Amino acid sequence: MSFQRFYEVWLEQLHALINQLLNQLPQAPTTEEERNHQQLHQLVQKTLSHYAEFHRVKSLVAKQDILSVFSAPWATTLERSLHWIAGWRPTTAFHLIYTEASIRFESQLVDILRGLSNGDLGDLSPAQFRRVSELQCETVRKENAITDELSQWQDGASDFLGMLRDADHKKMELLVRVVEKADHLRQETIETLVELLTLRQAAEFLIAAAHLEFGVRGWGVTYDRQRL
């Protein structure tokens, strides 16, 4: 199976997982949510494993054809325009958390003033916000370090001229490691955020992240078709 086909199947499976999360996530909290806690937990973990499987397979393909993986031919032109080192930028997850929290907080402001709590992303505690902010700073630092590694690799592009085959191979191995570090940070970011959120909040975050991915891809497919 080509990686492009793998990605298409992977996306279909992600759609199915997100639909299961939506069906399992109760519209109202408390008793129903407690009853479905185990199923919801399993689905959240299954979704995290699904992302990990994508990065595992991508790493295997990168070792065989790093330039193809870096150029991401399986993605639309719109998706590639938003890419950071062959994939989404990890700090995007934090912006998503802040956006979802703000939207839900505003929509539930009356209930909150009445002392009612939904336990969703609109109910992030001060401690959670503080931890999200700390993680964002850590992730920015790691992103910058990986970006610097890529810049160093690109600065050495002139070394390709007159290179021996072995040296050329070593140069590509360096790029493989850069992409693997970027993918590791993507996976680490998702898992760390899920860990600090409540189960309900984690499910809502994964749903929002997937819907963003589906939406961007949908717009990208439409745009590419119009260009033909």
C-alpha atoms as a PDB file:
ATOM      1  CA  MET A   1       0.000   0.000   0.000  1.00  0.00           C
ATOM      2  CA  SER A   2       1.339   3.451  -0.899  1.00  0.00           C
ATOM      3  CA  PHE A   3       1.558   6.012   1.869  1.00  0.00           C
ATOM      4  CA  GLN A   4      -1.019   8.146   0.084  1.00  0.00           C
ATOM      5  CA  ARG A   5      -3.481   5.255   0.155  1.00  0.00           C
ATOM      6  CA  PHE A   6      -2.560   4.552   3.782  1.00  0.00           C
ATOM      7  CA  TYR A   7      -3.331   8.181   4.603  1.00  0.00           C
ATOM      8  CA  GLU A   8      -6.721   8.031   2.885  1.00  0.00           C
ATOM      9  CA  VAL A   9      -7.643   4.891   4.842  1.00  0.00           C
ATOM     10  CA  TRP A  10      -6.239   6.437   8.031  1.00  0.00           C
ATOM     11  CA  LEU A  11      -8.453   9.513   7.535  1.00  0.00           C
ATOM     12  CA  GLU A  12     -11.515   7.342   7.003  1.00  0.00           C
ATOM     13  CA  GLN A  13     -10.752   5.516  10.242  1.00  0.00           C
ATOM     14  CA  LEU A  14     -10.270   8.841  12.038  1.00  0.00           C
ATOM     15  CA  HIS A  15     -13.694   9.937  10.787  1.00  0.00           C
ATOM     16  CA  ALA A  16     -15.176   6.753  12.265  1.00  0.00           C
ATOM     17  CA  LEU A  17     -13.402   7.280  15.599  1.00  0.00           C
ATOM     18  CA  ILE A  18     -14.580  10.879  15.856  1.00  0.00           C
ATOM     19  CA  ASN A  19     -18.166   9.832  15.105  1.00  0.00           C
ATOM     20  CA  GLN A  20     -17.907   7.276  17.910  1.00  0.00           C
ATOM     21  CA  LEU A  21     -16.569   9.950  20.258  1.00  0.00           C
ATOM     22  CA  LEU A  22     -19.449  12.250  19.328  1.00  0.00           C
ATOM     23  CA  ASN A  23     -21.990   9.491  19.941  1.00  0.00           C
ATOM     24  CA  GLN A  24     -20.383   8.492  23.230  1.00  0.00           C
ATOM     25  CA  LEU A  25     -20.013  12.043  24.538  1.00  0.00           C
ATOM     26  CA  PRO A  26     -23.234  12.896  26.422  1.00  0.00           C
ATOM     27  CA  GLN A  27     -24.863  16.229  25.650  1.00  0.00           C
ATOM     28  CA  ALA A  28     -25.482  16.708  29.357  1.00  0.00           C
ATOM     29  CA  PRO A  29     -22.837  15.876  31.976  1.00  0.00           C
ATOM     30  CA  THR A  30     -23.110  13.983  35.301  1.00  0.00           C
ATOM     31  CA  THR A  31     -24.841  10.602  35.483  1.00  0.00           C
ATOM     32  CA  GLU A  32     -24.847   9.635  31.825  1.00  0.00           C
ATOM     33  CA  GLU A  33     -21.224  10.692  31.426  1.00  0.00           C
ATOM     34  CA  GLU A  34     -20.200   8.678  34.481  1.00  0.00           C
ATOM     35  CA  ARG A  35     -21.952   5.620  33.089  1.00  0.00           C
ATOM     36  CA  ASN A  36     -20.113   5.980  29.759  1.00  0.00           C
ATOM     37  CA  HIS A  37     -16.781   6.867  31.361  1.00  0.00           C
ATOM     38  CA  GLN A  38     -15.046   3.603  30.469  1.00  0.00           C
ATOM     39  CA  GLN A  39     -16.187   3.589  26.842  1.00  0.00           C
ATOM     40  CA  LEU A  40     -15.220   7.230  26.426  1.00  0.00           C
ATOM     41  CA  HIS A  41     -11.802   6.609  27.962  1.00  0.00           C
ATOM     42  CA  GLN A  42     -11.190   3.711  25.576  1.00  0.00           C
ATOM     43  CA  LEU A  43     -12.164   5.833  22.576  1.00  0.00           C
ATOM     44  CA  VAL A  44      -9.863   8.680  23.629  1.00  0.00           C
ATOM     45  CA  GLN A  45      -6.962   6.242  24.012  1.00  0.00           C
ATOM     46  CA  LYS A  46      -7.825   4.592  20.698  1.00  0.00           C
ATOM     47  CA  THR A  47      -7.752   7.992  18.973  1.00  0.00           C
ATOM     48  CA  LEU A  48      -4.344   8.783  20.477  1.00  0.00           C
ATOM     49  CA  SER A  49      -3.086   5.388  19.293  1.00  0.00           C
ATOM     50  CA  HIS A  50      -4.458   6.150  15.837  1.00  0.00           C
ATOM     51  CA  TYR A  51      -2.329   9.309  15.627  1.00  0.00           C
ATOM     52  CA  ALA A  52       0.679   7.370  16.926  1.00  0.00           C
ATOM     53  CA  GLU A  53       0.187   4.734  14.209  1.00  0.00           C
ATOM     54  CA  PHE A  54       0.174   7.451  11.551  1.00  0.00           C
ATOM     55  CA  HIS A  55       3.492   8.811  12.811  1.00  0.00           C
ATOM     56  CA  ARG A  56       4.965   5.297  13.094  1.00  0.00           C
ATOM     57  CA  VAL A  57       4.166   4.432   9.481  1.00  0.00           C
ATOM     58  CA  LYS A  58       5.257   7.870   8.296  1.00  0.00           C
ATOM     59  CA  SER A  59       8.629   7.331   9.991  1.00  0.00           C
ATOM     60  CA  LEU A  60       9.101   4.009   8.192  1.00  0.00           C
ATOM     61  CA  VAL A  61       8.305   5.619   4.831  1.00  0.00           C
ATOM     62  CA  ALA A  62      10.597   8.568   5.605  1.00  0.00           C
ATOM     63  CA  LYS A  63      13.545   6.212   5.969  1.00  0.00           C
ATOM     64  CA  GLN A  64      12.861   4.982   2.414  1.00  0.00           C
ATOM     65  CA  ASP A  65      11.924   8.258   0.707  1.00  0.00           C
ATOM     66  CA  ILE A  66      12.416  11.290   2.931  1.00  0.00           C
ATOM     67  CA  LEU A  67      12.014  13.880   0.168  1.00  0.00           C
ATOM     68  CA  SER A  68       8.595  12.522  -0.771  1.00  0.00           C
ATOM     69  CA  VAL A  69       7.495  12.565   2.874  1.00  0.00           C
ATOM     70  CA  PHE A  70       8.862  16.067   3.357  1.00  0.00           C
ATOM     71  CA  SER A  71       6.961  17.364   0.312  1.00  0.00           C
ATOM     72  CA  ALA A  72       3.771  15.579   1.553  1.00  0.00           C
ATOM     73  CA  PRO A  73       2.185  14.687  -1.830  1.00  0.00           C
ATOM     74  CA  TRP A  74      -0.773  13.093   0.008  1.00  0.00           C
ATOM     75  CA  ALA A  75      -1.848  16.539   1.225  1.00  0.00           C
ATOM     76  CA  THR A  76      -3.706  19.252  -0.690  1.00  0.00           C
ATOM     77  CA  THR A  77      -1.942  22.468  -1.654  1.00  0.00           C
ATOM     78  CA  LEU A  78      -3.835  24.291   1.099  1.00  0.00           C
ATOM     79  CA  GLU A  79      -2.701  21.765   3.700  1.00  0.00           C
ATOM     80  CA  ARG A  80       0.911  22.014   2.514  1.00  0.00           C
ATOM     81  CA  SER A  81       0.768  25.815   2.775  1.00  0.00           C
ATOM     82  CA  LEU A  82      -0.007  25.371   6.488  1.00  0.00           C
ATOM     83  CA  HIS A  83       2.604  22.682   7.120  1.00  0.00           C
ATOM     84  CA  TRP A  84       5.574  22.946   9.423  1.00  0.00           C
ATOM     85  CA  ILE A  85       8.147  20.254   8.582  1.00  0.00           C
ATOM     86  CA  ALA A  86       5.812  17.842   6.763  1.00  0.00           C
ATOM     87  CA  GLY A  87       2.855  18.211   9.094  1.00  0.00           C
ATOM     88  CA  TRP A  88       0.781  20.490  11.301  1.00  0.00           C
ATOM     89  CA  ARG A  89       2.529  22.872  13.675  1.00  0.00           C
ATOM     90  CA  PRO A  90       2.257  21.552  17.271  1.00  0.00           C
ATOM     91  CA  THR A  91       1.436  24.960  18.753  1.00  0.00           C
ATOM     92  CA  THR A  92      -1.750  24.950  16.657  1.00  0.00           C
ATOM     93  CA  ALA A  93      -3.197  22.639  19.324  1.00  0.00           C
ATOM     94  CA  PHE A  94      -2.884  25.340  21.973  1.00  0.00           C
ATOM     95  CA  HIS A  95      -4.624  27.944  19.821  1.00  0.00           C
ATOM     96  CA  LEU A  96      -7.407  25.411  19.308  1.00  0.00           C
ATOM     97  CA  ILE A  97      -7.759  24.882  23.066  1.00  0.00           C
ATOM     98  CA  TYR A  98      -7.988  28.636  23.700  1.00  0.00           C
ATOM     99  CA  THR A  99     -10.492  29.132  20.880  1.00  0.00           C
ATOM    100  CA  GLU A 100     -12.758  26.268  21.942  1.00  0.00           C
ATOM    101  CA  ALA A 101     -12.594  27.328  25.588  1.00  0.00           C
ATOM    102  CA  SER A 102     -13.511  30.916  24.690  1.00  0.00           C
ATOM    103  CA  ILE A 103     -16.428  29.930  22.432  1.00  0.00           C
ATOM    104  CA  ARG A 104     -17.894  27.522  24.979  1.00  0.00           C
ATOM    105  CA  PHE A 105     -17.398  29.946  27.873  1.00  0.00           C
ATOM    106  CA  GLU A 106     -19.246  32.722  26.052  1.00  0.00           C
ATOM    107  CA  SER A 107     -22.098  30.443  25.013  1.00  0.00           C
ATOM    108  CA  GLN A 108     -22.546  29.221  28.598  1.00  0.00           C
ATOM    109  CA  LEU A 109     -21.960  32.529  30.375  1.00  0.00           C
ATOM    110  CA  VAL A 110     -25.502  32.702  31.802  1.00  0.00           C
ATOM    111  CA  ASP A 111     -25.231  29.188  33.245  1.00  0.00           C
ATOM    112  CA  ILE A 112     -21.788  29.955  34.667  1.00  0.00           C
ATOM    113  CA  LEU A 113     -23.113  33.082  36.395  1.00  0.00           C
ATOM    114  CA  ARG A 114     -25.800  30.869  37.921  1.00  0.00           C
ATOM    115  CA  GLY A 115     -23.108  28.603  39.318  1.00  0.00           C
ATOM    116  CA  LEU A 116     -23.794  25.765  36.888  1.00  0.00           C
ATOM    117  CA  SER A 117     -20.910  23.753  35.455  1.00  0.00           C
ATOM    118  CA  ASN A 118     -20.874  21.671  32.270  1.00  0.00           C
ATOM    119  CA  GLY A 119     -17.408  20.257  32.807  1.00  0.00           C
ATOM    120  CA  ASP A 120     -16.445  20.923  29.187  1.00  0.00           C
ATOM    121  CA  LEU A 121     -13.656  22.996  27.616  1.00  0.00           C
ATOM    122  CA  GLY A 122     -15.499  26.145  28.685  1.00  0.00           C
ATOM    123  CA  ASP A 123     -14.848  25.069  32.281  1.00  0.00           C
ATOM    124  CA  LEU A 124     -11.055  24.974  32.213  1.00  0.00           C
ATOM    125  CA  SER A 125      -9.772  25.734  35.695  1.00  0.00           C
ATOM    126  CA  PRO A 126      -7.123  28.404  36.429  1.00  0.00           C
ATOM    127  CA  ALA A 127      -4.654  25.586  37.116  1.00  0.00           C
ATOM    128  CA  GLN A 128      -5.418  24.020  33.725  1.00  0.00           C
ATOM    129  CA  PHE A 129      -4.999  27.350  31.929  1.00  0.00           C
ATOM    130  CA  ARG A 130      -1.685  27.889  33.698  1.00  0.00           C
ATOM    131  CA  ARG A 131      -0.447  24.427  32.705  1.00  0.00           C
ATOM    132  CA  VAL A 132      -1.600  24.890  29.096  1.00  0.00           C
ATOM    133  CA  SER A 133       0.323  28.183  28.973  1.00  0.00           C
ATOM    134  CA  GLU A 134       3.449  26.517  30.388  1.00  0.00           C
ATOM    135  CA  LEU A 135       3.194  23.679  27.868  1.00  0.00           C
ATOM    136  CA  GLN A 136       2.742  26.160  25.044  1.00  0.00           C
ATOM    137  CA  CYS A 137       5.985  27.922  26.019  1.00  0.00           C
ATOM    138  CA  GLU A 138       7.804  24.578  26.204  1.00  0.00           C
ATOM    139  CA  THR A 139       6.435  23.543  22.811  1.00  0.00           C
ATOM    140  CA  VAL A 140       7.436  26.845  21.191  1.00  0.00           C
ATOM    141  CA  ARG A 141      10.974  26.311  22.497  1.00  0.00           C
ATOM    142  CA  LYS A 142      11.074  22.771  21.065  1.00  0.00           C
ATOM    143  CA  GLU A 143       9.591  23.928  17.753  1.00  0.00           C
ATOM    144  CA  ASN A 144      12.265  26.605  17.458  1.00  0.00           C
ATOM    145  CA  ALA A 145      15.030  24.091  18.197  1.00  0.00           C
ATOM    146  CA  ILE A 146      13.777  21.730  15.474  1.00  0.00           C
ATOM    147  CA  THR A 147      13.359  24.635  13.043  1.00  0.00           C
ATOM    148  CA  ASP A 148      16.984  25.596  13.727  1.00  0.00           C
ATOM    149  CA  GLU A 149      18.054  22.047  12.878  1.00  0.00           C
ATOM    150  CA  LEU A 150      16.195  22.251   9.576  1.00  0.00           C
ATOM    151  CA  SER A 151      17.799  25.633   8.853  1.00  0.00           C
ATOM    152  CA  GLN A 152      21.232  24.134   9.439  1.00  0.00           C
ATOM    153  CA  TRP A 153      20.387  21.300   7.060  1.00  0.00           C
ATOM    154  CA  GLN A 154      19.221  23.773   4.422  1.00  0.00           C
ATOM    155  CA  ASP A 155      22.280  25.986   4.914  1.00  0.00           C
ATOM    156  CA  GLY A 156      24.373  23.003   3.933  1.00  0.00           C
ATOM    157  CA  ALA A 157      22.534  22.522   0.630  1.00  0.00           C
ATOM    158  CA  SER A 158      25.622  23.621  -1.314  1.00  0.00           C
ATOM    159  CA  ASP A 159      27.424  20.603   0.141  1.00  0.00           C
ATOM    160  CA  PHE A 160      25.442  18.419  -2.261  1.00  0.00           C
ATOM    161  CA  LEU A 161      27.647  19.685  -5.085  1.00  0.00           C
ATOM    162  CA  GLY A 162      30.453  17.230  -5.579  1.00  0.00           C
ATOM    163  CA  MET A 163      29.263  15.029  -2.715  1.00  0.00           C
ATOM    164  CA  LEU A 164      30.100  11.357  -2.622  1.00  0.00           C
ATOM    165  CA  ARG A 165      27.143   8.985  -2.521  1.00  0.00           C
ATOM    166  CA  ASP A 166      27.775   8.001   1.116  1.00  0.00           C
ATOM    167  CA  ALA A 167      27.911  11.629   2.183  1.00  0.00           C
ATOM    168  CA  ASP A 168      24.679  12.295   0.299  1.00  0.00           C
ATOM    169  CA  HIS A 169      23.034   9.392   2.138  1.00  0.00           C
ATOM    170  CA  LYS A 170      24.153  10.776   5.500  1.00  0.00           C
ATOM    171  CA  LYS A 171      22.741  14.171   4.583  1.00  0.00           C
ATOM    172  CA  MET A 172      19.334  12.583   3.927  1.00  0.00           C
ATOM    173  CA  GLU A 173      19.498  10.710   7.220  1.00  0.00           C
ATOM    174  CA  LEU A 174      19.819  14.069   8.988  1.00  0.00           C
ATOM    175  CA  LEU A 175      16.610  15.242   7.307  1.00  0.00           C
ATOM    176  CA  VAL A 176      14.867  12.025   8.362  1.00  0.00           C
ATOM    177  CA  ARG A 177      15.772  12.758  11.980  1.00  0.00           C
ATOM    178  CA  VAL A 178      14.449  16.317  11.701  1.00  0.00           C
ATOM    179  CA  VAL A 179      11.076  15.071  10.417  1.00  0.00           C
ATOM    180  CA  GLU A 180      10.953  12.364  13.095  1.00  0.00           C
ATOM    181  CA  LYS A 181      11.593  14.960  15.810  1.00  0.00           C
ATOM    182  CA  ALA A 182       8.798  17.126  14.402  1.00  0.00           C
ATOM    183  CA  ASP A 183       6.378  14.176  14.371  1.00  0.00           C
ATOM    184  CA  HIS A 184       7.426  13.184  17.892  1.00  0.00           C
ATOM    185  CA  LEU A 185       6.626  16.706  19.089  1.00  0.00           C
ATOM    186  CA  ARG A 186       3.241  16.582  17.352  1.00  0.00           C
ATOM    187  CA  GLN A 187       2.357  13.312  19.101  1.00  0.00           C
ATOM    188  CA  GLU A 188       3.780  14.453  22.426  1.00  0.00           C
ATOM    189  CA  THR A 189       1.738  17.664  22.288  1.00  0.00           C
ATOM    190  CA  ILE A 190      -1.554  15.820  21.710  1.00  0.00           C
ATOM    191  CA  GLU A 191      -0.871  13.278  24.456  1.00  0.00           C
ATOM    192  CA  THR A 192       0.266  15.883  27.001  1.00  0.00           C
ATOM    193  CA  LEU A 193      -2.784  18.069  26.419  1.00  0.00           C
ATOM    194  CA  VAL A 194      -5.141  15.101  26.723  1.00  0.00           C
ATOM    195  CA  GLU A 195      -3.438  14.146  29.977  1.00  0.00           C
ATOM    196  CA  LEU A 196      -4.045  17.523  31.636  1.00  0.00           C
ATOM    197  CA  LEU A 197      -7.689  17.739  30.502  1.00  0.00           C
ATOM    198  CA  THR A 198     -10.623  15.924  32.046  1.00  0.00           C
ATOM    199  CA  LEU A 199     -11.957  12.995  30.051  1.00  0.00           C
ATOM    200  CA  ARG A 200     -14.842  15.031  28.644  1.00  0.00           C
ATOM    201  CA  GLN A 201     -12.547  17.944  27.784  1.00  0.00           C
ATOM    202  CA  ALA A 202     -10.049  15.574  26.133  1.00  0.00           C
ATOM    203  CA  ALA A 203     -12.770  14.085  23.953  1.00  0.00           C
ATOM    204  CA  GLU A 204     -13.960  17.563  22.947  1.00  0.00           C
ATOM    205  CA  PHE A 205     -10.386  18.606  22.130  1.00  0.00           C
ATOM    206  CA  LEU A 206      -9.790  15.555  19.916  1.00  0.00           C
ATOM    207  CA  ILE A 207     -13.111  16.129  18.154  1.00  0.00           C
ATOM    208  CA  ALA A 208     -12.308  19.802  17.537  1.00  0.00           C
ATOM    209  CA  ALA A 209      -8.804  18.972  16.283  1.00  0.00           C
ATOM    210  CA  ALA A 210     -10.132  16.364  13.863  1.00  0.00           C
ATOM    211  CA  HIS A 211     -12.875  18.679  12.596  1.00  0.00           C
ATOM    212  CA  LEU A 212     -10.237  21.334  11.927  1.00  0.00           C
ATOM    213  CA  GLU A 213      -8.194  18.779   9.992  1.00  0.00           C
ATOM    214  CA  PHE A 214     -11.249  17.580   8.042  1.00  0.00           C
ATOM    215  CA  GLY A 215     -12.308  21.147   7.292  1.00  0.00           C
ATOM    216  CA  VAL A 216      -8.925  22.262   5.989  1.00  0.00           C
ATOM    217  CA  ARG A 217      -8.637  19.134   3.863  1.00  0.00           C
ATOM    218  CA  GLY A 218     -12.146  19.647   2.478  1.00  0.00           C
ATOM    219  CA  TRP A 219     -11.381  23.226   1.501  1.00  0.00           C
ATOM    220  CA  GLY A 220      -8.076  22.090   0.024  1.00  0.00           C
ATOM    221  CA  VAL A 221      -9.696  19.388  -2.117  1.00  0.00           C
ATOM    222  CA  THR A 222     -12.251  21.888  -3.422  1.00  0.00           C
ATOM    223  CA  TYR A 223      -9.537  24.433  -4.217  1.00  0.00           C
ATOM    224  CA  ASP A 224      -7.365  21.898  -6.036  1.00  0.00           C
ATOM    225  CA  ARG A 225     -10.318  20.711  -8.136  1.00  0.00           C
ATOM    226  CA  GLN A 226     -11.130  24.262  -9.170  1.00  0.00           C
ATOM    227  CA  ARG A 227      -7.535  24.705 -10.366  1.00  0.00           C
ATOM    228  CA  LEU A 228      -7.755  21.756 -12.769  1.00  0.00           C
END
